């Protein structure tokens, strides 16, 4: 991709499988804010319907999945034990979630190390492993901390997520996770409104949500909550900013949609 590449826009209401253009199998890691968990479980549901088997997990912490999100959860610190239990579950369901344990204080699922996820993948048990690779405490936009995101080396796709409902709102901790760090890397003053160009700058920054993606992985961006007033127009402007310098982070595609609605993909932009 170069600065003279033309961006192709496709306006077509699609499933996530179509919008993301997924291959036959792989490990997909999610980073960012504004709907990662919803997107991950929505994708797991679609994948399980076309065959599976699918594992959803995390390298950080996530809320205990509901039955609508995942038919079951396994806790284990042993890959051998987890794989044995997986064989039993896959007799009934084509998707389940797993973690190393449960945090007693807030009932969150404690995630695995990246190496553990690699081990699960190379077992050959799963067609897909979906990994939530960082947290955002319910905010719509974030800048990763020094040790985030925690992306397994086996990931062949990394999807950054941004919630479009933050556009136009002031830079503070109500919409942005780590707002002062966001201010540092973008130059936006605390309290000033988040614009499309500043949001794009944060995504493109070397310390942005694509940080730590394996060099071999496809990098995609999902602009979520496109059902909000004015959000689709904002998403298109963000996409335009991004594709002027998309080679900086190896961005392959920008998907605009709403993970919790039907259909989840409104349109996408690629080169």
C-alpha atoms as a PDB file:
ATOM      1  CA  UNK A   1       0.000   0.000   0.000  1.00  0.00           C
ATOM      2  CA  UNK A   2       1.311   3.522  -0.751  1.00  0.00           C
ATOM      3  CA  UNK A   3       0.145   7.070  -0.415  1.00  0.00           C
ATOM      4  CA  UNK A   4      -1.289   7.024  -3.903  1.00  0.00           C
ATOM      5  CA  UNK A   5      -3.434   3.945  -3.288  1.00  0.00           C
ATOM      6  CA  UNK A   6      -7.101   4.448  -3.941  1.00  0.00           C
ATOM      7  CA  UNK A   7      -9.643   3.489  -1.312  1.00  0.00           C
ATOM      8  CA  UNK A   8     -12.473   1.227  -2.416  1.00  0.00           C
ATOM      9  CA  UNK A   9     -15.767   1.732  -0.558  1.00  0.00           C
ATOM     10  CA  UNK A  10     -18.408  -0.976  -0.471  1.00  0.00           C
ATOM     11  CA  UNK A  11     -21.857  -0.110   0.838  1.00  0.00           C
ATOM     12  CA  UNK A  12     -23.518  -3.442   1.501  1.00  0.00           C
ATOM     13  CA  UNK A  13     -25.354  -4.700   4.566  1.00  0.00           C
ATOM     14  CA  UNK A  14     -23.400  -7.808   5.452  1.00  0.00           C
ATOM     15  CA  UNK A  15     -22.547 -10.331   8.118  1.00  0.00           C
ATOM     16  CA  UNK A  16     -19.253 -10.066   9.985  1.00  0.00           C
ATOM     17  CA  UNK A  17     -17.947 -13.059   8.029  1.00  0.00           C
ATOM     18  CA  UNK A  18     -18.478 -11.148   4.790  1.00  0.00           C
ATOM     19  CA  UNK A  19     -17.351  -7.782   6.105  1.00  0.00           C
ATOM     20  CA  UNK A  20     -14.144  -9.122   7.640  1.00  0.00           C
ATOM     21  CA  UNK A  21     -13.440 -11.433   4.669  1.00  0.00           C
ATOM     22  CA  UNK A  22     -12.308 -14.224   6.988  1.00  0.00           C
ATOM     23  CA  UNK A  23     -10.268 -17.166   5.765  1.00  0.00           C
ATOM     24  CA  UNK A  24     -10.915 -20.790   6.662  1.00  0.00           C
ATOM     25  CA  UNK A  25      -9.397 -20.728  10.148  1.00  0.00           C
ATOM     26  CA  UNK A  26      -7.246 -18.606  12.418  1.00  0.00           C
ATOM     27  CA  UNK A  27      -6.711 -16.589  15.580  1.00  0.00           C
ATOM     28  CA  UNK A  28      -8.380 -13.180  15.759  1.00  0.00           C
ATOM     29  CA  UNK A  29      -7.324 -10.721  18.469  1.00  0.00           C
ATOM     30  CA  UNK A  30      -9.391  -7.664  19.403  1.00  0.00           C
ATOM     31  CA  UNK A  31      -7.964  -4.432  20.817  1.00  0.00           C
ATOM     32  CA  UNK A  32      -9.344  -0.973  21.503  1.00  0.00           C
ATOM     33  CA  UNK A  33     -12.659   0.087  23.020  1.00  0.00           C
ATOM     34  CA  UNK A  34     -16.303   0.671  22.276  1.00  0.00           C
ATOM     35  CA  UNK A  35     -17.631  -2.833  21.765  1.00  0.00           C
ATOM     36  CA  UNK A  36     -14.808  -5.406  21.613  1.00  0.00           C
ATOM     37  CA  UNK A  37     -16.629  -7.983  23.713  1.00  0.00           C
ATOM     38  CA  UNK A  38     -19.900  -7.651  21.803  1.00  0.00           C
ATOM     39  CA  UNK A  39     -18.038  -7.894  18.515  1.00  0.00           C
ATOM     40  CA  UNK A  40     -16.077 -10.946  19.615  1.00  0.00           C
ATOM     41  CA  UNK A  41     -19.134 -12.896  20.724  1.00  0.00           C
ATOM     42  CA  UNK A  42     -21.132 -11.832  17.675  1.00  0.00           C
ATOM     43  CA  UNK A  43     -18.360 -13.136  15.440  1.00  0.00           C
ATOM     44  CA  UNK A  44     -18.160 -16.358  17.463  1.00  0.00           C
ATOM     45  CA  UNK A  45     -21.876 -16.908  16.923  1.00  0.00           C
ATOM     46  CA  UNK A  46     -21.538 -16.470  13.175  1.00  0.00           C
ATOM     47  CA  UNK A  47     -18.487 -18.710  12.971  1.00  0.00           C
ATOM     48  CA  UNK A  48     -20.073 -21.485  15.024  1.00  0.00           C
ATOM     49  CA  UNK A  49     -23.036 -21.546  12.635  1.00  0.00           C
ATOM     50  CA  UNK A  50     -20.769 -22.313   9.688  1.00  0.00           C
ATOM     51  CA  UNK A  51     -18.875 -25.105  11.375  1.00  0.00           C
ATOM     52  CA  UNK A  52     -16.600 -24.139  14.235  1.00  0.00           C
ATOM     53  CA  UNK A  53     -15.202 -25.273  16.576  1.00  0.00           C
ATOM     54  CA  UNK A  54     -14.710 -21.817  18.106  1.00  0.00           C
ATOM     55  CA  UNK A  55     -13.009 -20.770  21.337  1.00  0.00           C
ATOM     56  CA  UNK A  56     -13.488 -17.303  22.848  1.00  0.00           C
ATOM     57  CA  UNK A  57     -11.016 -16.190  25.484  1.00  0.00           C
ATOM     58  CA  UNK A  58      -8.906 -13.284  26.706  1.00  0.00           C
ATOM     59  CA  UNK A  59      -5.353 -12.372  27.633  1.00  0.00           C
ATOM     60  CA  UNK A  60      -6.664  -9.885  30.176  1.00  0.00           C
ATOM     61  CA  UNK A  61     -10.077 -10.067  31.929  1.00  0.00           C
ATOM     62  CA  UNK A  62     -13.639 -10.078  30.615  1.00  0.00           C
ATOM     63  CA  UNK A  63     -17.060 -10.227  32.226  1.00  0.00           C
ATOM     64  CA  UNK A  64     -18.502 -13.692  32.583  1.00  0.00           C
ATOM     65  CA  UNK A  65     -20.268 -14.417  29.281  1.00  0.00           C
ATOM     66  CA  UNK A  66     -24.031 -14.697  29.271  1.00  0.00           C
ATOM     67  CA  UNK A  67     -25.678 -17.776  27.812  1.00  0.00           C
ATOM     68  CA  UNK A  68     -26.576 -15.698  24.757  1.00  0.00           C
ATOM     69  CA  UNK A  69     -22.895 -14.955  24.250  1.00  0.00           C
ATOM     70  CA  UNK A  70     -21.410 -18.361  25.010  1.00  0.00           C
ATOM     71  CA  UNK A  71     -23.062 -21.720  25.766  1.00  0.00           C
ATOM     72  CA  UNK A  72     -20.375 -22.641  28.292  1.00  0.00           C
ATOM     73  CA  UNK A  73     -17.194 -21.557  30.090  1.00  0.00           C
ATOM     74  CA  UNK A  74     -14.231 -23.737  31.074  1.00  0.00           C
ATOM     75  CA  UNK A  75     -11.717 -22.739  33.727  1.00  0.00           C
ATOM     76  CA  UNK A  76      -8.334 -24.422  33.656  1.00  0.00           C
ATOM     77  CA  UNK A  77      -4.633 -23.618  33.932  1.00  0.00           C
ATOM     78  CA  UNK A  78      -3.762 -26.851  32.135  1.00  0.00           C
ATOM     79  CA  UNK A  79      -3.949 -26.991  28.367  1.00  0.00           C
ATOM     80  CA  UNK A  80      -4.233 -30.769  28.502  1.00  0.00           C
ATOM     81  CA  UNK A  81      -7.247 -30.561  30.825  1.00  0.00           C
ATOM     82  CA  UNK A  82      -8.861 -27.789  28.801  1.00  0.00           C
ATOM     83  CA  UNK A  83      -8.497 -29.690  25.539  1.00  0.00           C
ATOM     84  CA  UNK A  84      -9.969 -32.806  27.132  1.00  0.00           C
ATOM     85  CA  UNK A  85     -13.008 -30.846  28.318  1.00  0.00           C
ATOM     86  CA  UNK A  86     -13.273 -29.185  24.914  1.00  0.00           C
ATOM     87  CA  UNK A  87     -13.706 -32.547  23.217  1.00  0.00           C
ATOM     88  CA  UNK A  88     -16.725 -33.232  25.422  1.00  0.00           C
ATOM     89  CA  UNK A  89     -18.275 -29.804  24.876  1.00  0.00           C
ATOM     90  CA  UNK A  90     -17.856 -30.004  21.115  1.00  0.00           C
ATOM     91  CA  UNK A  91     -20.087 -33.037  21.078  1.00  0.00           C
ATOM     92  CA  UNK A  92     -22.950 -30.643  21.895  1.00  0.00           C
ATOM     93  CA  UNK A  93     -21.839 -27.087  21.075  1.00  0.00           C
ATOM     94  CA  UNK A  94     -19.532 -25.627  18.424  1.00  0.00           C
ATOM     95  CA  UNK A  95     -18.462 -22.722  20.600  1.00  0.00           C
ATOM     96  CA  UNK A  96     -17.394 -22.191  24.195  1.00  0.00           C
ATOM     97  CA  UNK A  97     -15.320 -19.774  26.261  1.00  0.00           C
ATOM     98  CA  UNK A  98     -12.354 -20.442  28.528  1.00  0.00           C
ATOM     99  CA  UNK A  99     -10.169 -18.729  31.081  1.00  0.00           C
ATOM    100  CA  UNK A 100      -7.565 -19.453  33.716  1.00  0.00           C
ATOM    101  CA  UNK A 101      -9.982 -18.715  36.554  1.00  0.00           C
ATOM    102  CA  UNK A 102     -12.524 -16.289  37.914  1.00  0.00           C
ATOM    103  CA  UNK A 103     -11.790 -13.071  39.801  1.00  0.00           C
ATOM    104  CA  UNK A 104     -13.694 -13.415  43.066  1.00  0.00           C
ATOM    105  CA  UNK A 105     -14.188  -9.671  43.610  1.00  0.00           C
ATOM    106  CA  UNK A 106     -16.084  -8.936  40.395  1.00  0.00           C
ATOM    107  CA  UNK A 107     -16.798 -12.345  38.779  1.00  0.00           C
ATOM    108  CA  UNK A 108     -14.671 -11.562  35.752  1.00  0.00           C
ATOM    109  CA  UNK A 109     -12.989 -14.296  33.745  1.00  0.00           C
ATOM    110  CA  UNK A 110      -9.222 -14.247  34.132  1.00  0.00           C
ATOM    111  CA  UNK A 111      -7.406 -14.735  30.865  1.00  0.00           C
ATOM    112  CA  UNK A 112      -4.527 -16.830  29.584  1.00  0.00           C
ATOM    113  CA  UNK A 113      -0.986 -15.825  28.748  1.00  0.00           C
ATOM    114  CA  UNK A 114      -0.225 -15.332  25.038  1.00  0.00           C
ATOM    115  CA  UNK A 115       1.956 -18.443  25.105  1.00  0.00           C
ATOM    116  CA  UNK A 116      -0.943 -20.489  26.476  1.00  0.00           C
ATOM    117  CA  UNK A 117      -3.170 -19.293  23.616  1.00  0.00           C
ATOM    118  CA  UNK A 118      -0.418 -20.238  21.162  1.00  0.00           C
ATOM    119  CA  UNK A 119      -0.334 -23.714  22.719  1.00  0.00           C
ATOM    120  CA  UNK A 120      -4.104 -24.101  22.363  1.00  0.00           C
ATOM    121  CA  UNK A 121      -3.982 -23.019  18.743  1.00  0.00           C
ATOM    122  CA  UNK A 122      -1.174 -25.361  17.754  1.00  0.00           C
ATOM    123  CA  UNK A 123      -3.070 -28.275  19.324  1.00  0.00           C
ATOM    124  CA  UNK A 124      -5.195 -28.238  16.175  1.00  0.00           C
ATOM    125  CA  UNK A 125      -8.396 -28.542  18.216  1.00  0.00           C
ATOM    126  CA  UNK A 126      -9.930 -25.239  17.143  1.00  0.00           C
ATOM    127  CA  UNK A 127     -10.872 -23.813  13.798  1.00  0.00           C
ATOM    128  CA  UNK A 128     -11.065 -20.347  15.319  1.00  0.00           C
ATOM    129  CA  UNK A 129      -9.764 -18.749  18.516  1.00  0.00           C
ATOM    130  CA  UNK A 130     -11.049 -15.263  19.287  1.00  0.00           C
ATOM    131  CA  UNK A 131      -9.089 -13.276  21.869  1.00  0.00           C
ATOM    132  CA  UNK A 132      -9.956 -10.065  23.698  1.00  0.00           C
ATOM    133  CA  UNK A 133      -6.486  -8.599  24.096  1.00  0.00           C
ATOM    134  CA  UNK A 134      -7.079  -5.572  26.315  1.00  0.00           C
ATOM    135  CA  UNK A 135      -9.693  -3.816  28.437  1.00  0.00           C
ATOM    136  CA  UNK A 136     -11.325  -0.393  28.299  1.00  0.00           C
ATOM    137  CA  UNK A 137     -13.648  -0.320  31.322  1.00  0.00           C
ATOM    138  CA  UNK A 138     -16.698   0.428  29.185  1.00  0.00           C
ATOM    139  CA  UNK A 139     -15.247   3.471  27.399  1.00  0.00           C
ATOM    140  CA  UNK A 140     -15.600   4.094  23.669  1.00  0.00           C
ATOM    141  CA  UNK A 141     -12.013   5.022  22.751  1.00  0.00           C
ATOM    142  CA  UNK A 142      -8.709   4.123  24.339  1.00  0.00           C
ATOM    143  CA  UNK A 143      -4.951   4.376  24.080  1.00  0.00           C
ATOM    144  CA  UNK A 144      -3.154   1.232  25.255  1.00  0.00           C
ATOM    145  CA  UNK A 145      -1.000   1.259  28.360  1.00  0.00           C
ATOM    146  CA  UNK A 146       2.674   0.238  28.296  1.00  0.00           C
ATOM    147  CA  UNK A 147       1.859  -3.472  28.540  1.00  0.00           C
ATOM    148  CA  UNK A 148      -1.157  -3.495  26.211  1.00  0.00           C
ATOM    149  CA  UNK A 149      -2.575  -4.951  24.086  1.00  0.00           C
ATOM    150  CA  UNK A 150      -1.511  -8.516  24.900  1.00  0.00           C
ATOM    151  CA  UNK A 151      -1.706 -10.166  21.480  1.00  0.00           C
ATOM    152  CA  UNK A 152      -0.726 -13.825  21.002  1.00  0.00           C
ATOM    153  CA  UNK A 153       1.971 -14.390  18.390  1.00  0.00           C
ATOM    154  CA  UNK A 154      -0.263 -16.903  16.581  1.00  0.00           C
ATOM    155  CA  UNK A 155      -2.815 -14.178  15.729  1.00  0.00           C
ATOM    156  CA  UNK A 156      -3.283 -13.887  11.986  1.00  0.00           C
ATOM    157  CA  UNK A 157      -5.780 -11.024  12.292  1.00  0.00           C
ATOM    158  CA  UNK A 158      -5.939  -8.072  14.685  1.00  0.00           C
ATOM    159  CA  UNK A 159      -9.120  -6.015  14.800  1.00  0.00           C
ATOM    160  CA  UNK A 160      -8.951  -2.602  16.424  1.00  0.00           C
ATOM    161  CA  UNK A 161     -12.298  -1.337  17.702  1.00  0.00           C
ATOM    162  CA  UNK A 162     -13.480   2.262  18.191  1.00  0.00           C
ATOM    163  CA  UNK A 163     -16.889   3.416  19.407  1.00  0.00           C
ATOM    164  CA  UNK A 164     -18.246   6.188  17.190  1.00  0.00           C
ATOM    165  CA  UNK A 165     -20.429   7.537  20.012  1.00  0.00           C
ATOM    166  CA  UNK A 166     -17.343   9.263  21.430  1.00  0.00           C
ATOM    167  CA  UNK A 167     -16.947  11.592  18.442  1.00  0.00           C
ATOM    168  CA  UNK A 168     -17.844  15.159  19.396  1.00  0.00           C
ATOM    169  CA  UNK A 169     -17.643  14.478  23.116  1.00  0.00           C
ATOM    170  CA  UNK A 170     -15.000  16.126  25.326  1.00  0.00           C
ATOM    171  CA  UNK A 171     -11.712  14.396  25.995  1.00  0.00           C
ATOM    172  CA  UNK A 172     -12.231  13.099  29.508  1.00  0.00           C
ATOM    173  CA  UNK A 173     -12.488   9.788  31.341  1.00  0.00           C
ATOM    174  CA  UNK A 174     -16.185   9.370  30.588  1.00  0.00           C
ATOM    175  CA  UNK A 175     -15.615   8.468  26.939  1.00  0.00           C
ATOM    176  CA  UNK A 176     -11.886   7.807  26.731  1.00  0.00           C
ATOM    177  CA  UNK A 177      -9.866   5.203  28.594  1.00  0.00           C
ATOM    178  CA  UNK A 178      -6.571   6.853  29.615  1.00  0.00           C
ATOM    179  CA  UNK A 179      -7.570  10.324  28.355  1.00  0.00           C
ATOM    180  CA  UNK A 180      -4.317  11.977  29.434  1.00  0.00           C
ATOM    181  CA  UNK A 181      -2.315   9.468  27.439  1.00  0.00           C
ATOM    182  CA  UNK A 182      -4.657  10.132  24.510  1.00  0.00           C
ATOM    183  CA  UNK A 183      -3.887  13.844  24.941  1.00  0.00           C
ATOM    184  CA  UNK A 184      -0.147  13.143  24.987  1.00  0.00           C
ATOM    185  CA  UNK A 185      -0.044  11.217  21.711  1.00  0.00           C
ATOM    186  CA  UNK A 186      -2.513  13.422  19.796  1.00  0.00           C
ATOM    187  CA  UNK A 187      -1.982  16.897  21.254  1.00  0.00           C
ATOM    188  CA  UNK A 188      -5.696  17.303  21.975  1.00  0.00           C
ATOM    189  CA  UNK A 189      -6.243  19.333  25.130  1.00  0.00           C
ATOM    190  CA  UNK A 190      -8.260  17.771  27.918  1.00  0.00           C
ATOM    191  CA  UNK A 191     -11.895  18.849  27.640  1.00  0.00           C
ATOM    192  CA  UNK A 192     -11.737  19.626  23.929  1.00  0.00           C
ATOM    193  CA  UNK A 193     -14.063  17.651  21.629  1.00  0.00           C
ATOM    194  CA  UNK A 194     -12.906  14.478  19.931  1.00  0.00           C
ATOM    195  CA  UNK A 195     -12.840  14.985  16.177  1.00  0.00           C
ATOM    196  CA  UNK A 196     -12.566  12.499  13.346  1.00  0.00           C
ATOM    197  CA  UNK A 197      -9.040  13.647  12.441  1.00  0.00           C
ATOM    198  CA  UNK A 198      -7.784  13.378  16.030  1.00  0.00           C
ATOM    199  CA  UNK A 199      -9.353   9.934  16.395  1.00  0.00           C
ATOM    200  CA  UNK A 200      -7.614   8.820  13.198  1.00  0.00           C
ATOM    201  CA  UNK A 201      -4.322  10.231  14.483  1.00  0.00           C
ATOM    202  CA  UNK A 202      -4.662   8.186  17.682  1.00  0.00           C
ATOM    203  CA  UNK A 203      -5.320   5.012  15.677  1.00  0.00           C
ATOM    204  CA  UNK A 204      -2.314   5.654  13.415  1.00  0.00           C
ATOM    205  CA  UNK A 205       0.075   6.457  16.256  1.00  0.00           C
ATOM    206  CA  UNK A 206       2.756   3.881  17.045  1.00  0.00           C
ATOM    207  CA  UNK A 207       1.332   3.712  20.581  1.00  0.00           C
ATOM    208  CA  UNK A 208      -2.241   3.307  19.298  1.00  0.00           C
ATOM    209  CA  UNK A 209      -4.567   0.305  19.366  1.00  0.00           C
ATOM    210  CA  UNK A 210      -2.663  -1.575  16.649  1.00  0.00           C
ATOM    211  CA  UNK A 211       0.480  -1.605  18.786  1.00  0.00           C
ATOM    212  CA  UNK A 212       1.978  -5.056  19.199  1.00  0.00           C
ATOM    213  CA  UNK A 213       0.194  -6.694  16.275  1.00  0.00           C
ATOM    214  CA  UNK A 214       2.337  -9.493  14.781  1.00  0.00           C
ATOM    215  CA  UNK A 215       3.978  -8.445  11.532  1.00  0.00           C
ATOM    216  CA  UNK A 216       2.291 -11.317   9.663  1.00  0.00           C
ATOM    217  CA  UNK A 217      -1.222 -10.440  10.906  1.00  0.00           C
ATOM    218  CA  UNK A 218      -3.844  -8.633   8.856  1.00  0.00           C
ATOM    219  CA  UNK A 219      -4.851  -5.385  10.591  1.00  0.00           C
ATOM    220  CA  UNK A 220      -8.455  -4.249  10.392  1.00  0.00           C
ATOM    221  CA  UNK A 221     -10.431  -1.526  12.121  1.00  0.00           C
ATOM    222  CA  UNK A 222     -14.062  -1.855  13.183  1.00  0.00           C
ATOM    223  CA  UNK A 223     -15.826   1.484  13.706  1.00  0.00           C
ATOM    224  CA  UNK A 224     -18.699   0.473  15.945  1.00  0.00           C
ATOM    225  CA  UNK A 225     -22.029   2.053  16.886  1.00  0.00           C
ATOM    226  CA  UNK A 226     -22.702   3.397  13.404  1.00  0.00           C
ATOM    227  CA  UNK A 227     -26.396   3.582  14.293  1.00  0.00           C
ATOM    228  CA  UNK A 228     -25.800   6.731  16.358  1.00  0.00           C
ATOM    229  CA  UNK A 229     -26.903  10.056  14.796  1.00  0.00           C
ATOM    230  CA  UNK A 230     -24.203  11.339  12.449  1.00  0.00           C
ATOM    231  CA  UNK A 231     -21.981   8.338  13.156  1.00  0.00           C
ATOM    232  CA  UNK A 232     -21.883   6.970   9.608  1.00  0.00           C
ATOM    233  CA  UNK A 233     -20.655  10.303   8.248  1.00  0.00           C
ATOM    234  CA  UNK A 234     -18.030  10.484  11.002  1.00  0.00           C
ATOM    235  CA  UNK A 235     -16.897   6.945  10.220  1.00  0.00           C
ATOM    236  CA  UNK A 236     -16.439   7.799   6.550  1.00  0.00           C
ATOM    237  CA  UNK A 237     -14.334  10.826   7.450  1.00  0.00           C
ATOM    238  CA  UNK A 238     -12.192   8.735   9.815  1.00  0.00           C
ATOM    239  CA  UNK A 239     -11.707   6.183   7.036  1.00  0.00           C
ATOM    240  CA  UNK A 240     -10.623   8.892   4.624  1.00  0.00           C
ATOM    241  CA  UNK A 241      -8.052  10.207   7.104  1.00  0.00           C
ATOM    242  CA  UNK A 242      -6.767   6.701   7.785  1.00  0.00           C
ATOM    243  CA  UNK A 243      -6.303   5.661   4.190  1.00  0.00           C
ATOM    244  CA  UNK A 244      -4.143   8.677   3.479  1.00  0.00           C
ATOM    245  CA  UNK A 245      -1.535   7.083   5.774  1.00  0.00           C
ATOM    246  CA  UNK A 246      -2.792   3.536   6.216  1.00  0.00           C
ATOM    247  CA  UNK A 247       0.568   2.061   5.254  1.00  0.00           C
ATOM    248  CA  UNK A 248       1.918   3.442   8.534  1.00  0.00           C
ATOM    249  CA  UNK A 249       0.164   0.665  10.467  1.00  0.00           C
ATOM    250  CA  UNK A 250      -0.461  -1.768   7.605  1.00  0.00           C
ATOM    251  CA  UNK A 251      -4.208  -1.206   7.735  1.00  0.00           C
ATOM    252  CA  UNK A 252      -6.032  -3.530   5.349  1.00  0.00           C
ATOM    253  CA  UNK A 253      -9.700  -2.646   5.824  1.00  0.00           C
ATOM    254  CA  UNK A 254     -12.023  -0.356   7.792  1.00  0.00           C
ATOM    255  CA  UNK A 255     -15.417  -1.845   8.607  1.00  0.00           C
ATOM    256  CA  UNK A 256     -18.292   0.393   9.681  1.00  0.00           C
ATOM    257  CA  UNK A 257     -21.142  -1.188  11.586  1.00  0.00           C
ATOM    258  CA  UNK A 258     -22.915  -1.933  14.848  1.00  0.00           C
ATOM    259  CA  UNK A 259     -21.999  -5.204  16.522  1.00  0.00           C
ATOM    260  CA  UNK A 260     -25.289  -5.629  18.363  1.00  0.00           C
ATOM    261  CA  UNK A 261     -27.633  -4.879  15.445  1.00  0.00           C
ATOM    262  CA  UNK A 262     -28.716  -6.632  12.253  1.00  0.00           C
ATOM    263  CA  UNK A 263     -26.868  -6.647   9.983  1.00  0.00           C
ATOM    264  CA  UNK A 264     -23.625  -5.843  11.848  1.00  0.00           C
ATOM    265  CA  UNK A 265     -21.766  -4.438   8.814  1.00  0.00           C
ATOM    266  CA  UNK A 266     -23.042  -1.330   7.039  1.00  0.00           C
ATOM    267  CA  UNK A 267     -20.100  -0.779   4.706  1.00  0.00           C
ATOM    268  CA  UNK A 268     -16.348  -1.209   4.480  1.00  0.00           C
ATOM    269  CA  UNK A 269     -13.399   0.605   2.984  1.00  0.00           C
ATOM    270  CA  UNK A 270     -10.253  -1.044   1.675  1.00  0.00           C
ATOM    271  CA  UNK A 271      -7.534  -0.657  -0.922  1.00  0.00           C
END
